[in-house]
PDB file of N, CA and C in Angstrom:
ATOM      1  N   UNK A   1     104.958  35.414 -68.656  1.00  0.00           N
ATOM      2  CA  UNK A   1     105.184  36.791 -68.966  1.00  0.00           C
ATOM      3  C   UNK A   1     105.724  36.856 -70.384  1.00  0.00           C
ATOM      4  N   UNK A   2     105.143  37.709 -71.187  1.00  0.00           N
ATOM      5  CA  UNK A   2     105.636  37.816 -72.547  1.00  0.00           C
ATOM      6  C   UNK A   2     105.873  39.278 -72.890  1.00  0.00           C
ATOM      7  N   UNK A   3     106.937  39.511 -73.621  1.00  0.00           N
ATOM      8  CA  UNK A   3     107.243  40.834 -74.136  1.00  0.00           C
ATOM      9  C   UNK A   3     107.330  40.691 -75.633  1.00  0.00           C
ATOM     10  N   UNK A   4     106.580  41.497 -76.338  1.00  0.00           N
ATOM     11  CA  UNK A   4     106.577  41.404 -77.780  1.00  0.00           C
ATOM     12  C   UNK A   4     107.408  42.545 -78.365  1.00  0.00           C
ATOM     13  N   UNK A   5     108.128  42.239 -79.413  1.00  0.00           N
ATOM     14  CA  UNK A   5     108.946  43.229 -80.088  1.00  0.00           C
ATOM     15  C   UNK A   5     108.477  43.366 -81.519  1.00  0.00           C
ATOM     16  N   UNK A   6     108.649  44.533 -82.082  1.00  0.00           N
ATOM     17  CA  UNK A   6     108.489  44.674 -83.513  1.00  0.00           C
ATOM     18  C   UNK A   6     109.616  45.550 -84.019  1.00  0.00           C
ATOM     19  N   UNK A   7     109.964  45.337 -85.246  1.00  0.00           N
ATOM     20  CA  UNK A   7     111.114  45.999 -85.820  1.00  0.00           C
ATOM     21  C   UNK A   7     110.686  46.896 -86.970  1.00  0.00           C
ATOM     22  N   UNK A   8     111.412  47.970 -87.140  1.00  0.00           N
ATOM     23  CA  UNK A   8     111.194  48.858 -88.286  1.00  0.00           C
ATOM     24  C   UNK A   8     112.487  48.960 -89.069  1.00  0.00           C
ATOM     25  N   UNK A   9     112.377  49.338 -90.291  1.00  0.00           N
ATOM     26  CA  UNK A   9     113.573  49.467 -91.125  1.00  0.00           C
ATOM     27  C   UNK A   9     114.329  50.738 -90.748  1.00  0.00           C
ATOM     28  N   UNK A  10     115.671  50.626 -90.728  1.00  0.00           N
ATOM     29  CA  UNK A  10     116.458  51.818 -90.470  1.00  0.00           C
ATOM     30  C   UNK A  10     116.672  52.581 -91.774  1.00  0.00           C
ATOM     31  N   UNK A  11     117.453  53.624 -91.718  1.00  0.00           N
ATOM     32  CA  UNK A  11     117.601  54.483 -92.894  1.00  0.00           C
ATOM     33  C   UNK A  11     118.219  53.762 -94.089  1.00  0.00           C
ATOM     34  N   UNK A  12     118.941  52.646 -93.861  1.00  0.00           N
ATOM     35  CA  UNK A  12     119.538  51.884 -94.952  1.00  0.00           C
ATOM     36  C   UNK A  12     118.597  50.797 -95.480  1.00  0.00           C
ATOM     37  N   UNK A  13     117.420  50.678 -94.901  1.00  0.00           N
ATOM     38  CA  UNK A  13     116.457  49.682 -95.357  1.00  0.00           C
ATOM     39  C   UNK A  13     116.597  48.339 -94.669  1.00  0.00           C
ATOM     40  N   UNK A  14     117.471  48.233 -93.659  1.00  0.00           N
ATOM     41  CA  UNK A  14     117.663  46.974 -92.948  1.00  0.00           C
ATOM     42  C   UNK A  14     116.914  47.008 -91.613  1.00  0.00           C
ATOM     43  N   UNK A  15     116.497  45.816 -91.210  1.00  0.00           N
ATOM     44  CA  UNK A  15     115.861  45.712 -89.901  1.00  0.00           C
ATOM     45  C   UNK A  15     116.946  45.872 -88.848  1.00  0.00           C
ATOM     46  N   UNK A  16     116.727  46.727 -87.896  1.00  0.00           N
ATOM     47  CA  UNK A  16     117.762  46.959 -86.911  1.00  0.00           C
ATOM     48  C   UNK A  16     117.240  47.021 -85.502  1.00  0.00           C
ATOM     49  N   UNK A  17     118.055  46.563 -84.579  1.00  0.00           N
ATOM     50  CA  UNK A  17     117.640  46.547 -83.187  1.00  0.00           C
ATOM     51  C   UNK A  17     117.583  47.952 -82.599  1.00  0.00           C
ATOM     52  N   UNK A  18     118.289  48.895 -83.206  1.00  0.00           N
ATOM     53  CA  UNK A  18     118.234  50.258 -82.675  1.00  0.00           C
ATOM     54  C   UNK A  18     116.855  50.873 -82.867  1.00  0.00           C
ATOM     55  N   UNK A  19     116.036  50.280 -83.725  1.00  0.00           N
ATOM     56  CA  UNK A  19     114.686  50.776 -83.956  1.00  0.00           C
ATOM     57  C   UNK A  19     113.642  49.936 -83.220  1.00  0.00           C
ATOM     58  N   UNK A  20     114.108  49.071 -82.356  1.00  0.00           N
ATOM     59  CA  UNK A  20     113.207  48.169 -81.639  1.00  0.00           C
ATOM     60  C   UNK A  20     112.334  48.975 -80.677  1.00  0.00           C
ATOM     61  N   UNK A  21     111.067  48.680 -80.690  1.00  0.00           N
ATOM     62  CA  UNK A  21     110.131  49.313 -79.775  1.00  0.00           C
ATOM     63  C   UNK A  21     109.478  48.205 -78.959  1.00  0.00           C
ATOM     64  N   UNK A  22     109.329  48.420 -77.684  1.00  0.00           N
ATOM     65  CA  UNK A  22     108.784  47.400 -76.795  1.00  0.00           C
ATOM     66  C   UNK A  22     107.334  47.726 -76.501  1.00  0.00           C
ATOM     67  N   UNK A  23     106.466  46.732 -76.727  1.00  0.00           N
ATOM     68  CA  UNK A  23     105.065  46.875 -76.362  1.00  0.00           C
ATOM     69  C   UNK A  23     104.923  46.622 -74.866  1.00  0.00           C
ATOM     70  N   UNK A  24     103.836  47.086 -74.313  1.00  0.00           N
ATOM     71  CA  UNK A  24     103.549  46.863 -72.905  1.00  0.00           C
ATOM     72  C   UNK A  24     103.420  45.364 -72.642  1.00  0.00           C
ATOM     73  N   UNK A  25     103.978  44.919 -71.525  1.00  0.00           N
ATOM     74  CA  UNK A  25     103.910  43.514 -71.133  1.00  0.00           C
ATOM     75  C   UNK A  25     102.454  43.108 -70.928  1.00  0.00           C
ATOM     76  N   UNK A  26     102.071  41.969 -71.495  1.00  0.00           N
ATOM     77  CA  UNK A  26     100.698  41.502 -71.333  1.00  0.00           C
ATOM     78  C   UNK A  26     100.545  40.825 -69.972  1.00  0.00           C
ATOM     79  N   UNK A  27      99.305  40.780 -69.498  1.00  0.00           N
ATOM     80  CA  UNK A  27      98.983  40.170 -68.216  1.00  0.00           C
ATOM     81  C   UNK A  27      99.227  38.673 -68.252  1.00  0.00           C
ATOM     82  N   UNK A  28      99.757  38.120 -67.180  1.00  0.00           N
ATOM     83  CA  UNK A  28      99.907  36.673 -67.098  1.00  0.00           C
ATOM     84  C   UNK A  28      98.548  36.062 -66.755  1.00  0.00           C
ATOM     85  N   UNK A  29      98.430  34.764 -66.936  1.00  0.00           N
ATOM     86  CA  UNK A  29      97.190  34.064 -66.603  1.00  0.00           C
ATOM     87  C   UNK A  29      96.855  34.238 -65.121  1.00  0.00           C
ATOM     88  N   UNK A  30      97.869  34.152 -64.282  1.00  0.00           N
ATOM     89  CA  UNK A  30      97.640  34.301 -62.845  1.00  0.00           C
ATOM     90  C   UNK A  30      97.145  35.707 -62.513  1.00  0.00           C
ATOM     91  N   UNK A  31      97.710  36.728 -63.148  1.00  0.00           N
ATOM     92  CA  UNK A  31      97.273  38.103 -62.911  1.00  0.00           C
ATOM     93  C   UNK A  31      95.833  38.306 -63.379  1.00  0.00           C
ATOM     94  N   UNK A  32      95.478  37.734 -64.521  1.00  0.00           N
ATOM     95  CA  UNK A  32      94.110  37.831 -65.024  1.00  0.00           C
ATOM     96  C   UNK A  32      93.135  37.151 -64.064  1.00  0.00           C
ATOM     97  N   UNK A  33      93.526  35.989 -63.568  1.00  0.00           N
ATOM     98  CA  UNK A  33      92.680  35.245 -62.641  1.00  0.00           C
ATOM     99  C   UNK A  33      92.460  36.045 -61.364  1.00  0.00           C
ATOM    100  N   UNK A  34      93.517  36.604 -60.814  1.00  0.00           N
ATOM    101  CA  UNK A  34      93.394  37.414 -59.595  1.00  0.00           C
ATOM    102  C   UNK A  34      92.503  38.640 -59.826  1.00  0.00           C
ATOM    103  N   UNK A  35      92.653  39.269 -60.984  1.00  0.00           N
ATOM    104  CA  UNK A  35      91.839  40.440 -61.311  1.00  0.00           C
ATOM    105  C   UNK A  35      90.365  40.056 -61.412  1.00  0.00           C
ATOM    106  N   UNK A  36      90.074  38.918 -62.047  1.00  0.00           N
ATOM    107  CA  UNK A  36      88.693  38.469 -62.190  1.00  0.00           C
ATOM    108  C   UNK A  36      88.054  38.162 -60.832  1.00  0.00           C
ATOM    109  N   UNK A  37      88.782  37.446 -59.976  1.00  0.00           N
ATOM    110  CA  UNK A  37      88.252  37.090 -58.655  1.00  0.00           C
ATOM    111  C   UNK A  37      88.005  38.342 -57.817  1.00  0.00           C
ATOM    112  N   UNK A  38      88.946  39.253 -57.853  1.00  0.00           N
ATOM    113  CA  UNK A  38      88.801  40.502 -57.099  1.00  0.00           C
ATOM    114  C   UNK A  38      87.594  41.294 -57.596  1.00  0.00           C
ATOM    115  N   UNK A  39      87.397  41.346 -58.914  1.00  0.00           N
ATOM    116  CA  UNK A  39      86.272  42.096 -59.482  1.00  0.00           C
ATOM    117  C   UNK A  39      84.937  41.519 -59.027  1.00  0.00           C
ATOM    118  N   UNK A  40      84.799  40.191 -59.050  1.00  0.00           N
ATOM    119  CA  UNK A  40      83.553  39.562 -58.594  1.00  0.00           C
ATOM    120  C   UNK A  40      83.321  39.839 -57.112  1.00  0.00           C
ATOM    121  N   UNK A  41      84.378  39.737 -56.305  1.00  0.00           N
ATOM    122  CA  UNK A  41      84.260  39.977 -54.863  1.00  0.00           C
ATOM    123  C   UNK A  41      83.860  41.429 -54.582  1.00  0.00           C
ATOM    124  N   UNK A  42      84.450  42.364 -55.292  1.00  0.00           N
ATOM    125  CA  UNK A  42      84.133  43.782 -55.082  1.00  0.00           C
ATOM    126  C   UNK A  42      82.708  44.110 -55.522  1.00  0.00           C
ATOM    127  N   UNK A  43      82.219  43.461 -56.574  1.00  0.00           N
ATOM    128  CA  UNK A  43      80.838  43.692 -57.010  1.00  0.00           C
ATOM    129  C   UNK A  43      79.844  43.370 -55.899  1.00  0.00           C
ATOM    130  N   UNK A  44      80.096  42.273 -55.189  1.00  0.00           N
ATOM    131  CA  UNK A  44      79.192  41.847 -54.117  1.00  0.00           C
ATOM    132  C   UNK A  44      79.373  42.721 -52.883  1.00  0.00           C
ATOM    133  N   UNK A  45      80.621  42.922 -52.490  1.00  0.00           N
ATOM    134  CA  UNK A  45      80.908  43.707 -51.287  1.00  0.00           C
ATOM    135  C   UNK A  45      80.430  45.149 -51.433  1.00  0.00           C
ATOM    136  N   UNK A  46      80.689  45.754 -52.580  1.00  0.00           N
ATOM    137  CA  UNK A  46      80.362  47.169 -52.798  1.00  0.00           C
ATOM    138  C   UNK A  46      78.967  47.385 -53.381  1.00  0.00           C
ATOM    139  N   UNK A  47      78.157  46.328 -53.456  1.00  0.00           N
ATOM    140  CA  UNK A  47      76.789  46.388 -53.984  1.00  0.00           C
ATOM    141  C   UNK A  47      76.745  46.972 -55.397  1.00  0.00           C
ATOM    142  N   UNK A  48      77.720  46.602 -56.228  1.00  0.00           N
ATOM    143  CA  UNK A  48      77.754  47.082 -57.609  1.00  0.00           C
ATOM    144  C   UNK A  48      76.913  46.212 -58.537  1.00  0.00           C
ATOM    145  N   UNK A  49      76.349  45.140 -57.985  1.00  0.00           N
ATOM    146  CA  UNK A  49      75.545  44.212 -58.788  1.00  0.00           C
ATOM    147  C   UNK A  49      74.333  43.801 -57.963  1.00  0.00           C
ATOM    148  N   UNK A  50      73.222  43.609 -58.655  1.00  0.00           N
ATOM    149  CA  UNK A  50      72.020  43.128 -57.969  1.00  0.00           C
ATOM    150  C   UNK A  50      72.018  41.602 -57.996  1.00  0.00           C
ATOM    151  N   UNK A  51      71.224  41.022 -57.126  1.00  0.00           N
ATOM    152  CA  UNK A  51      71.113  39.559 -57.102  1.00  0.00           C
ATOM    153  C   UNK A  51      70.590  39.062 -58.447  1.00  0.00           C
ATOM    154  N   UNK A  52      69.608  39.765 -59.008  1.00  0.00           N
ATOM    155  CA  UNK A  52      69.042  39.337 -60.302  1.00  0.00           C
ATOM    156  C   UNK A  52      70.106  39.335 -61.393  1.00  0.00           C
ATOM    157  N   UNK A  53      70.900  40.402 -61.456  1.00  0.00           N
ATOM    158  CA  UNK A  53      71.953  40.468 -62.481  1.00  0.00           C
ATOM    159  C   UNK A  53      73.014  39.394 -62.260  1.00  0.00           C
ATOM    160  N   UNK A  54      73.368  39.164 -61.004  1.00  0.00           N
ATOM    161  CA  UNK A  54      74.365  38.134 -60.702  1.00  0.00           C
ATOM    162  C   UNK A  54      73.835  36.755 -61.087  1.00  0.00           C
ATOM    163  N   UNK A  55      72.596  36.467 -60.726  1.00  0.00           N
ATOM    164  CA  UNK A  55      72.031  35.152 -60.997  1.00  0.00           C
ATOM    165  C   UNK A  55      71.873  34.899 -62.500  1.00  0.00           C
ATOM    166  N   UNK A  56      71.728  35.944 -63.299  1.00  0.00           N
ATOM    167  CA  UNK A  56      71.665  35.774 -64.751  1.00  0.00           C
ATOM    168  C   UNK A  56      72.986  35.266 -65.318  1.00  0.00           C
ATOM    169  N   UNK A  57      74.086  35.588 -64.634  1.00  0.00           N
ATOM    170  CA  UNK A  57      75.400  35.165 -65.128  1.00  0.00           C
ATOM    171  C   UNK A  57      75.868  33.843 -64.525  1.00  0.00           C
ATOM    172  N   UNK A  58      75.074  33.263 -63.625  1.00  0.00           N
ATOM    173  CA  UNK A  58      75.452  31.997 -62.981  1.00  0.00           C
ATOM    174  C   UNK A  58      75.251  30.841 -63.960  1.00  0.00           C
ATOM    175  N   UNK A  59      76.306  30.046 -64.116  1.00  0.00           N
ATOM    176  CA  UNK A  59      76.265  28.908 -65.033  1.00  0.00           C
ATOM    177  C   UNK A  59      75.826  27.618 -64.346  1.00  0.00           C
ATOM    178  N   UNK A  60      76.089  27.514 -63.047  1.00  0.00           N
ATOM    179  CA  UNK A  60      75.724  26.313 -62.296  1.00  0.00           C
ATOM    180  C   UNK A  60      75.690  26.654 -60.815  1.00  0.00           C
ATOM    181  N   UNK A  61      74.894  25.915 -60.073  1.00  0.00           N
ATOM    182  CA  UNK A  61      74.838  26.062 -58.611  1.00  0.00           C
ATOM    183  C   UNK A  61      75.186  24.720 -58.002  1.00  0.00           C
ATOM    184  N   UNK A  62      76.126  24.734 -57.088  1.00  0.00           N
ATOM    185  CA  UNK A  62      76.473  23.534 -56.318  1.00  0.00           C
ATOM    186  C   UNK A  62      75.941  23.763 -54.908  1.00  0.00           C
ATOM    187  N   UNK A  63      74.959  22.959 -54.519  1.00  0.00           N
ATOM    188  CA  UNK A  63      74.348  23.114 -53.207  1.00  0.00           C
ATOM    189  C   UNK A  63      75.178  22.396 -52.153  1.00  0.00           C
ATOM    190  N   UNK A  64      75.353  23.026 -51.023  1.00  0.00           N
ATOM    191  CA  UNK A  64      76.031  22.422 -49.873  1.00  0.00           C
ATOM    192  C   UNK A  64      74.972  22.304 -48.787  1.00  0.00           C
ATOM    193  N   UNK A  65      74.689  21.058 -48.385  1.00  0.00           N
ATOM    194  CA  UNK A  65      73.578  20.830 -47.452  1.00  0.00           C
ATOM    195  C   UNK A  65      74.044  20.027 -46.242  1.00  0.00           C
ATOM    196  N   UNK A  66      73.204  20.073 -45.209  1.00  0.00           N
ATOM    197  CA  UNK A  66      73.405  19.224 -44.043  1.00  0.00           C
ATOM    198  C   UNK A  66      72.887  17.826 -44.370  1.00  0.00           C
ATOM    199  N   UNK A  67      73.059  16.873 -43.444  1.00  0.00           N
ATOM    200  CA  UNK A  67      72.590  15.497 -43.650  1.00  0.00           C
ATOM    201  C   UNK A  67      71.098  15.418 -43.967  1.00  0.00           C
ATOM    202  N   UNK A  68      70.321  16.300 -43.357  1.00  0.00           N
ATOM    203  CA  UNK A  68      68.871  16.287 -43.589  1.00  0.00           C
ATOM    204  C   UNK A  68      68.472  17.079 -44.841  1.00  0.00           C
ATOM    205  N   UNK A  69      69.453  17.461 -45.650  1.00  0.00           N
ATOM    206  CA  UNK A  69      69.276  18.180 -46.923  1.00  0.00           C
ATOM    207  C   UNK A  69      68.809  19.620 -46.761  1.00  0.00           C
ATOM    208  N   UNK A  70      68.916  20.143 -45.540  1.00  0.00           N
ATOM    209  CA  UNK A  70      68.628  21.560 -45.349  1.00  0.00           C
ATOM    210  C   UNK A  70      69.824  22.370 -45.840  1.00  0.00           C
ATOM    211  N   UNK A  71      69.528  23.563 -46.314  1.00  0.00           N
ATOM    212  CA  UNK A  71      70.539  24.446 -46.898  1.00  0.00           C
ATOM    213  C   UNK A  71      71.628  24.797 -45.879  1.00  0.00           C
ATOM    214  N   UNK A  72      72.857  24.696 -46.305  1.00  0.00           N
ATOM    215  CA  UNK A  72      73.998  25.145 -45.510  1.00  0.00           C
ATOM    216  C   UNK A  72      74.693  26.291 -46.236  1.00  0.00           C
ATOM    217  N   UNK A  73      74.939  26.121 -47.536  1.00  0.00           N
ATOM    218  CA  UNK A  73      75.602  27.148 -48.354  1.00  0.00           C
ATOM    219  C   UNK A  73      75.493  26.714 -49.813  1.00  0.00           C
ATOM    220  N   UNK A  74      76.125  27.501 -50.680  1.00  0.00           N
ATOM    221  CA  UNK A  74      76.131  27.158 -52.103  1.00  0.00           C
ATOM    222  C   UNK A  74      77.395  27.724 -52.735  1.00  0.00           C
ATOM    223  N   UNK A  75      77.741  27.149 -53.880  1.00  0.00           N
ATOM    224  CA  UNK A  75      78.823  27.684 -54.718  1.00  0.00           C
ATOM    225  C   UNK A  75      78.219  27.984 -56.077  1.00  0.00           C
ATOM    226  N   UNK A  76      78.513  29.182 -56.590  1.00  0.00           N
ATOM    227  CA  UNK A  76      77.968  29.611 -57.872  1.00  0.00           C
ATOM    228  C   UNK A  76      79.087  29.665 -58.895  1.00  0.00           C
ATOM    229  N   UNK A  77      78.929  28.954 -59.989  1.00  0.00           N
ATOM    230  CA  UNK A  77      79.905  28.976 -61.074  1.00  0.00           C
ATOM    231  C   UNK A  77      79.590  30.174 -61.968  1.00  0.00           C
ATOM    232  N   UNK A  78      80.542  31.118 -62.069  1.00  0.00           N
ATOM    233  CA  UNK A  78      80.308  32.329 -62.858  1.00  0.00           C
ATOM    234  C   UNK A  78      81.255  32.451 -64.048  1.00  0.00           C
ATOM    235  N   UNK A  79      82.250  31.594 -64.135  1.00  0.00           N
ATOM    236  CA  UNK A  79      83.142  31.570 -65.301  1.00  0.00           C
ATOM    237  C   UNK A  79      83.616  30.136 -65.490  1.00  0.00           C
ATOM    238  N   UNK A  80      83.739  29.740 -66.770  1.00  0.00           N
ATOM    239  CA  UNK A  80      84.061  28.355 -67.067  1.00  0.00           C
ATOM    240  C   UNK A  80      84.745  28.278 -68.414  1.00  0.00           C
ATOM    241  N   UNK A  81      85.641  27.367 -68.566  1.00  0.00           N
ATOM    242  CA  UNK A  81      86.267  27.152 -69.869  1.00  0.00           C
ATOM    243  C   UNK A  81      87.707  27.591 -69.882  1.00  0.00           C
ATOM    244  N   UNK A  82      87.959  28.895 -69.763  1.00  0.00           N
ATOM    245  CA  UNK A  82      89.330  29.385 -69.590  1.00  0.00           C
ATOM    246  C   UNK A  82      89.602  29.246 -68.115  1.00  0.00           C
ATOM    247  N   UNK A  83      89.395  30.309 -67.382  1.00  0.00           N
ATOM    248  CA  UNK A  83      89.415  30.152 -65.930  1.00  0.00           C
ATOM    249  C   UNK A  83      88.052  29.672 -65.456  1.00  0.00           C
ATOM    250  N   UNK A  84      88.055  28.957 -64.348  1.00  0.00           N
ATOM    251  CA  UNK A  84      86.813  28.614 -63.660  1.00  0.00           C
ATOM    252  C   UNK A  84      86.761  29.474 -62.413  1.00  0.00           C
ATOM    253  N   UNK A  85      85.637  30.159 -62.217  1.00  0.00           N
ATOM    254  CA  UNK A  85      85.490  31.053 -61.068  1.00  0.00           C
ATOM    255  C   UNK A  85      84.194  30.703 -60.354  1.00  0.00           C
ATOM    256  N   UNK A  86      84.312  30.448 -59.045  1.00  0.00           N
ATOM    257  CA  UNK A  86      83.180  30.087 -58.191  1.00  0.00           C
ATOM    258  C   UNK A  86      83.015  31.143 -57.108  1.00  0.00           C
ATOM    259  N   UNK A  87      81.777  31.542 -56.861  1.00  0.00           N
ATOM    260  CA  UNK A  87      81.463  32.365 -55.693  1.00  0.00           C
ATOM    261  C   UNK A  87      81.035  31.387 -54.612  1.00  0.00           C
ATOM    262  N   UNK A  88      81.819  31.317 -53.539  1.00  0.00           N
ATOM    263  CA  UNK A  88      81.625  30.318 -52.491  1.00  0.00           C
ATOM    264  C   UNK A  88      80.990  30.992 -51.273  1.00  0.00           C
ATOM    265  N   UNK A  89      79.720  30.669 -51.019  1.00  0.00           N
ATOM    266  CA  UNK A  89      79.004  31.278 -49.898  1.00  0.00           C
ATOM    267  C   UNK A  89      79.335  30.624 -48.561  1.00  0.00           C
ATOM    268  N   UNK A  90      79.970  29.467 -48.581  1.00  0.00           N
ATOM    269  CA  UNK A  90      80.353  28.824 -47.322  1.00  0.00           C
ATOM    270  C   UNK A  90      81.588  29.505 -46.734  1.00  0.00           C
ATOM    271  N   UNK A  91      82.557  29.794 -47.563  1.00  0.00           N
ATOM    272  CA  UNK A  91      83.792  30.426 -47.089  1.00  0.00           C
ATOM    273  C   UNK A  91      83.817  31.933 -47.336  1.00  0.00           C
ATOM    274  N   UNK A  92      82.784  32.465 -48.016  1.00  0.00           N
ATOM    275  CA  UNK A  92      82.711  33.871 -48.411  1.00  0.00           C
ATOM    276  C   UNK A  92      83.968  34.296 -49.174  1.00  0.00           C
ATOM    277  N   UNK A  93      84.287  33.478 -50.182  1.00  0.00           N
ATOM    278  CA  UNK A  93      85.421  33.773 -51.057  1.00  0.00           C
ATOM    279  C   UNK A  93      85.000  33.576 -52.510  1.00  0.00           C
ATOM    280  N   UNK A  94      85.696  34.265 -53.391  1.00  0.00           N
ATOM    281  CA  UNK A  94      85.590  33.990 -54.813  1.00  0.00           C
ATOM    282  C   UNK A  94      86.819  33.175 -55.147  1.00  0.00           C
ATOM    283  N   UNK A  95      86.611  31.941 -55.605  1.00  0.00           N
ATOM    284  CA  UNK A  95      87.695  31.004 -55.860  1.00  0.00           C
ATOM    285  C   UNK A  95      87.918  30.879 -57.361  1.00  0.00           C
ATOM    286  N   UNK A  96      89.157  31.082 -57.791  1.00  0.00           N
ATOM    287  CA  UNK A  96      89.478  30.995 -59.201  1.00  0.00           C
ATOM    288  C   UNK A  96      90.510  29.919 -59.471  1.00  0.00           C
ATOM    289  N   UNK A  97      90.337  29.228 -60.590  1.00  0.00           N
ATOM    290  CA  UNK A  97      91.237  28.148 -60.994  1.00  0.00           C
ATOM    291  C   UNK A  97      91.547  28.307 -62.477  1.00  0.00           C
ATOM    292  N   UNK A  98      92.822  28.250 -62.818  1.00  0.00           N
ATOM    293  CA  UNK A  98      93.210  28.313 -64.226  1.00  0.00           C
ATOM    294  C   UNK A  98      94.507  27.546 -64.360  1.00  0.00           C
ATOM    295  N   UNK A  99      94.455  26.400 -65.002  1.00  0.00           N
ATOM    296  CA  UNK A  99      95.583  25.481 -65.097  1.00  0.00           C
ATOM    297  C   UNK A  99      96.112  25.224 -63.700  1.00  0.00           C
ATOM    298  N   UNK A 100      97.352  25.538 -63.430  1.00  0.00           N
ATOM    299  CA  UNK A 100      97.930  25.289 -62.103  1.00  0.00           C
ATOM    300  C   UNK A 100      97.745  26.443 -61.144  1.00  0.00           C
ATOM    301  N   UNK A 101      97.184  27.544 -61.609  1.00  0.00           N
ATOM    302  CA  UNK A 101      97.007  28.717 -60.761  1.00  0.00           C
ATOM    303  C   UNK A 101      95.693  28.622 -59.992  1.00  0.00           C
ATOM    304  N   UNK A 102      95.708  29.134 -58.772  1.00  0.00           N
ATOM    305  CA  UNK A 102      94.529  29.153 -57.919  1.00  0.00           C
ATOM    306  C   UNK A 102      94.579  30.420 -57.081  1.00  0.00           C
ATOM    307  N   UNK A 103      93.447  31.053 -56.896  1.00  0.00           N
ATOM    308  CA  UNK A 103      93.418  32.211 -55.998  1.00  0.00           C
ATOM    309  C   UNK A 103      92.071  32.273 -55.295  1.00  0.00           C
ATOM    310  N   UNK A 104      92.063  32.968 -54.169  1.00  0.00           N
ATOM    311  CA  UNK A 104      90.849  33.201 -53.385  1.00  0.00           C
ATOM    312  C   UNK A 104      90.823  34.679 -53.045  1.00  0.00           C
ATOM    313  N   UNK A 105      89.641  35.256 -53.130  1.00  0.00           N
ATOM    314  CA  UNK A 105      89.485  36.649 -52.741  1.00  0.00           C
ATOM    315  C   UNK A 105      88.227  36.750 -51.889  1.00  0.00           C
ATOM    316  N   UNK A 106      88.357  37.235 -50.674  1.00  0.00           N
ATOM    317  CA  UNK A 106      87.230  37.317 -49.748  1.00  0.00           C
ATOM    318  C   UNK A 106      86.252  38.422 -50.121  1.00  0.00           C
ATOM    319  N   UNK A 107      85.011  38.258 -49.682  1.00  0.00           N
ATOM    320  CA  UNK A 107      83.990  39.284 -49.897  1.00  0.00           C
ATOM    321  C   UNK A 107      83.027  39.306 -48.723  1.00  0.00           C
ATOM    322  N   UNK A 108      82.257  40.377 -48.640  1.00  0.00           N
ATOM    323  CA  UNK A 108      81.191  40.508 -47.655  1.00  0.00           C
ATOM    324  C   UNK A 108      79.879  40.463 -48.421  1.00  0.00           C
ATOM    325  N   UNK A 109      78.964  39.621 -47.988  1.00  0.00           N
ATOM    326  CA  UNK A 109      77.686  39.446 -48.688  1.00  0.00           C
ATOM    327  C   UNK A 109      76.746  40.604 -48.354  1.00  0.00           C
ATOM    328  N   UNK A 110      76.994  41.741 -48.966  1.00  0.00           N
ATOM    329  CA  UNK A 110      76.176  42.930 -48.724  1.00  0.00           C
ATOM    330  C   UNK A 110      74.925  42.991 -49.594  1.00  0.00           C
ATOM    331  N   UNK A 111      74.728  42.010 -50.480  1.00  0.00           N
ATOM    332  CA  UNK A 111      73.536  42.015 -51.334  1.00  0.00           C
ATOM    333  C   UNK A 111      72.505  40.966 -50.900  1.00  0.00           C
ATOM    334  N   UNK A 112      72.797  40.216 -49.834  1.00  0.00           N
ATOM    335  CA  UNK A 112      71.858  39.208 -49.335  1.00  0.00           C
ATOM    336  C   UNK A 112      71.798  37.959 -50.194  1.00  0.00           C
ATOM    337  N   UNK A 113      72.906  37.623 -50.828  1.00  0.00           N
ATOM    338  CA  UNK A 113      72.952  36.477 -51.732  1.00  0.00           C
ATOM    339  C   UNK A 113      72.708  35.159 -51.004  1.00  0.00           C
ATOM    340  N   UNK A 114      73.282  35.001 -49.826  1.00  0.00           N
ATOM    341  CA  UNK A 114      73.107  33.755 -49.073  1.00  0.00           C
ATOM    342  C   UNK A 114      71.640  33.548 -48.692  1.00  0.00           C
ATOM    343  N   UNK A 115      70.969  34.603 -48.237  1.00  0.00           N
ATOM    344  CA  UNK A 115      69.539  34.495 -47.892  1.00  0.00           C
ATOM    345  C   UNK A 115      68.707  34.148 -49.119  1.00  0.00           C
ATOM    346  N   UNK A 116      69.035  34.765 -50.249  1.00  0.00           N
ATOM    347  CA  UNK A 116      68.332  34.489 -51.501  1.00  0.00           C
ATOM    348  C   UNK A 116      68.470  33.012 -51.879  1.00  0.00           C
ATOM    349  N   UNK A 117      69.704  32.497 -51.786  1.00  0.00           N
ATOM    350  CA  UNK A 117      69.949  31.102 -52.165  1.00  0.00           C
ATOM    351  C   UNK A 117      69.288  30.130 -51.193  1.00  0.00           C
ATOM    352  N   UNK A 118      69.228  30.497 -49.922  1.00  0.00           N
ATOM    353  CA  UNK A 118      68.529  29.655 -48.939  1.00  0.00           C
ATOM    354  C   UNK A 118      67.051  29.546 -49.304  1.00  0.00           C
ATOM    355  N   UNK A 119      66.437  30.669 -49.688  1.00  0.00           N
ATOM    356  CA  UNK A 119      65.026  30.645 -50.097  1.00  0.00           C
ATOM    357  C   UNK A 119      64.848  29.852 -51.394  1.00  0.00           C
ATOM    358  N   UNK A 120      65.771  30.031 -52.325  1.00  0.00           N
ATOM    359  CA  UNK A 120      65.695  29.300 -53.589  1.00  0.00           C
ATOM    360  C   UNK A 120      65.797  27.792 -53.344  1.00  0.00           C
ATOM    361  N   UNK A 121      66.696  27.394 -52.459  1.00  0.00           N
ATOM    362  CA  UNK A 121      66.851  25.974 -52.139  1.00  0.00           C
ATOM    363  C   UNK A 121      65.597  25.411 -51.473  1.00  0.00           C
ATOM    364  N   UNK A 122      64.942  26.194 -50.650  1.00  0.00           N
ATOM    365  CA  UNK A 122      63.732  25.735 -49.964  1.00  0.00           C
ATOM    366  C   UNK A 122      62.585  25.485 -50.949  1.00  0.00           C
ATOM    367  N   UNK A 123      62.628  26.151 -52.104  1.00  0.00           N
ATOM    368  CA  UNK A 123      61.580  25.969 -53.134  1.00  0.00           C
ATOM    369  C   UNK A 123      61.765  24.687 -53.931  1.00  0.00           C
ATOM    370  N   UNK A 124      62.882  24.037 -53.799  1.00  0.00           N
ATOM    371  CA  UNK A 124      63.173  22.843 -54.598  1.00  0.00           C
ATOM    372  C   UNK A 124      62.553  21.609 -53.992  1.00  0.00           C
TER     373      UNK A 124
END
C-alpha cells in the first residue's frame, strides 16, 4: 500500500506540511490481481466475450488429458509477465499468480468454452 504526498509552498515560500495534499491510495498488487481474475470470470459467466475474442487473447493452452490422451480439460494462459492469469476449465476458476499473491475466482462456462476446446483438441 502506498500513499503519495506532494508539497506546495506556503505564503512565506517554504515547503510546509500544512499544505500537504494526499493523493488517492494506489491499488496493491493483490487487489489488481483479484480485479483481473474477477473481470475474466465475469466476461465468461455474463457472456461479455465471444469464444473467438477470448481465444485471440490466449497466449498458451495447457491440455489436461486422460491416460489415453482423450480431452479432460484445459488451462488457458491469458496474462503473463506481471501477473500470470490462467482460465482453468477443470476447476472452472480463473487462477491468478503475482509474486507471492494467489487468487481464484469461479465462473460458469456460459459461452461453451469447454466444448470448443474439446473439439479443438480432437483436431490435433
